[in-house]
Amino acid sequence: MMRVFTAILHKEEDVYVAECPEVGTVSQGRTVEEAVANLKEATELYLEEFPLDGGQRPIITMFEVAAGAGA
C-alpha cells in the first residue's frame, strides 16, 4: 500500500534538511531532490520497524508571528 507523507525542507549551510512531520523522520542532502529521496528511504526503513496504526494522521496547520518577535 502506498501512502502520501509531507516533506518540510530548509537549508542549513550547504545541505537541505528534510523532515516528515507525520512520522518524525529527518534526513538531508546536497540538493532538494537528494534530501527528499533520503527522507523517503529513512521513512520507509522507520515504518518497517514501527508501522503506523490505524491510519490516523496528525493535524498540520500554519500560524503567524509578528516579525522581529523576541525569544
C-alpha atoms as a PDB file:
ATOM      1  CA  MET A   1       0.000   0.000   0.000  1.00  0.00           C
ATOM      2  CA  MET A   2       1.312   3.460  -0.903  1.00  0.00           C
ATOM      3  CA  ARG A   3       0.805   6.397   1.459  1.00  0.00           C
ATOM      4  CA  VAL A   4       1.492  10.073   0.927  1.00  0.00           C
ATOM      5  CA  PHE A   5       3.520  11.971   3.516  1.00  0.00           C
ATOM      6  CA  THR A   6       4.659  15.575   3.915  1.00  0.00           C
ATOM      7  CA  ALA A   7       8.262  16.726   3.481  1.00  0.00           C
ATOM      8  CA  ILE A   8       9.297  20.027   5.072  1.00  0.00           C
ATOM      9  CA  LEU A   9      12.670  21.328   3.912  1.00  0.00           C
ATOM     10  CA  HIS A  10      15.014  24.076   4.984  1.00  0.00           C
ATOM     11  CA  LYS A  11      18.593  24.889   4.087  1.00  0.00           C
ATOM     12  CA  GLU A  12      21.381  24.684   6.657  1.00  0.00           C
ATOM     13  CA  GLU A  13      24.725  25.919   5.336  1.00  0.00           C
ATOM     14  CA  ASP A  14      25.449  23.665   2.322  1.00  0.00           C
ATOM     15  CA  VAL A  15      22.772  20.973   2.821  1.00  0.00           C
ATOM     16  CA  TYR A  16      18.985  20.733   2.710  1.00  0.00           C
ATOM     17  CA  VAL A  17      17.351  19.188   5.766  1.00  0.00           C
ATOM     18  CA  ALA A  18      14.090  17.328   5.135  1.00  0.00           C
ATOM     19  CA  GLU A  19      11.616  16.319   7.831  1.00  0.00           C
ATOM     20  CA  CYS A  20       8.470  14.196   7.712  1.00  0.00           C
ATOM     21  CA  PRO A  21       6.176  15.606  10.443  1.00  0.00           C
ATOM     22  CA  GLU A  22       3.720  12.706  10.298  1.00  0.00           C
ATOM     23  CA  VAL A  23       6.393  10.174  11.267  1.00  0.00           C
ATOM     24  CA  GLY A  24       9.178  12.280  12.770  1.00  0.00           C
ATOM     25  CA  THR A  25      11.915  11.130  10.403  1.00  0.00           C
ATOM     26  CA  VAL A  26      14.633  13.545   9.296  1.00  0.00           C
ATOM     27  CA  SER A  27      17.316  13.343   6.614  1.00  0.00           C
ATOM     28  CA  GLN A  28      19.457  15.619   4.474  1.00  0.00           C
ATOM     29  CA  GLY A  29      21.027  16.013   1.052  1.00  0.00           C
ATOM     30  CA  ARG A  30      23.064  18.424  -1.048  1.00  0.00           C
ATOM     31  CA  THR A  31      20.017  19.110  -3.259  1.00  0.00           C
ATOM     32  CA  VAL A  32      16.273  19.225  -2.572  1.00  0.00           C
ATOM     33  CA  GLU A  33      15.819  16.071  -4.649  1.00  0.00           C
ATOM     34  CA  GLU A  34      18.545  14.210  -2.748  1.00  0.00           C
ATOM     35  CA  ALA A  35      17.160  15.321   0.619  1.00  0.00           C
ATOM     36  CA  VAL A  36      13.648  14.115  -0.285  1.00  0.00           C
ATOM     37  CA  ALA A  37      14.990  10.805  -1.660  1.00  0.00           C
ATOM     38  CA  ASN A  38      16.967  10.273   1.558  1.00  0.00           C
ATOM     39  CA  LEU A  39      13.909  11.180   3.640  1.00  0.00           C
ATOM     40  CA  LYS A  40      11.809   8.684   1.691  1.00  0.00           C
ATOM     41  CA  GLU A  41      14.355   5.943   2.371  1.00  0.00           C
ATOM     42  CA  ALA A  42      14.600   6.859   6.068  1.00  0.00           C
ATOM     43  CA  THR A  43      10.808   6.891   6.398  1.00  0.00           C
ATOM     44  CA  GLU A  44      10.423   3.522   4.661  1.00  0.00           C
ATOM     45  CA  LEU A  45      13.028   1.971   6.983  1.00  0.00           C
ATOM     46  CA  TYR A  46      11.369   3.523  10.029  1.00  0.00           C
ATOM     47  CA  LEU A  47       7.917   2.245   9.016  1.00  0.00           C
ATOM     48  CA  GLU A  48       9.275  -1.292   8.552  1.00  0.00           C
ATOM     49  CA  GLU A  49      10.224  -1.276  12.233  1.00  0.00           C
ATOM     50  CA  PHE A  50       7.386   0.910  13.565  1.00  0.00           C
ATOM     51  CA  PRO A  51       4.275   0.596  11.355  1.00  0.00           C
ATOM     52  CA  LEU A  52       1.605   3.279  11.702  1.00  0.00           C
ATOM     53  CA  ASP A  53      -1.505   2.082  13.480  1.00  0.00           C
ATOM     54  CA  GLY A  54      -4.992   2.851  12.263  1.00  0.00           C
ATOM     55  CA  GLY A  55      -4.059   5.274   9.519  1.00  0.00           C
ATOM     56  CA  GLN A  56      -4.568   8.324  11.734  1.00  0.00           C
ATOM     57  CA  ARG A  57      -2.683  11.392  10.577  1.00  0.00           C
ATOM     58  CA  PRO A  58      -1.592  14.295  12.750  1.00  0.00           C
ATOM     59  CA  ILE A  59      -3.109  17.727  12.278  1.00  0.00           C
ATOM     60  CA  ILE A  60      -0.745  20.018  10.384  1.00  0.00           C
ATOM     61  CA  THR A  61      -1.541  23.720  10.300  1.00  0.00           C
ATOM     62  CA  MET A  62       0.174  27.074   9.876  1.00  0.00           C
ATOM     63  CA  PHE A  63       0.333  30.122  12.129  1.00  0.00           C
ATOM     64  CA  GLU A  64       1.716  33.666  12.004  1.00  0.00           C
ATOM     65  CA  VAL A  65       4.020  35.535  14.341  1.00  0.00           C
ATOM     66  CA  ALA A  66       4.993  39.192  14.306  1.00  0.00           C
ATOM     67  CA  ALA A  67       8.265  39.896  12.513  1.00  0.00           C
ATOM     68  CA  GLY A  68      11.056  40.627  14.965  1.00  0.00           C
ATOM     69  CA  ALA A  69       9.258  38.911  17.852  1.00  0.00           C
ATOM     70  CA  GLY A  70      11.772  38.406  20.648  1.00  0.00           C
ATOM     71  CA  ALA A  71      12.549  34.995  22.048  1.00  0.00           C
END
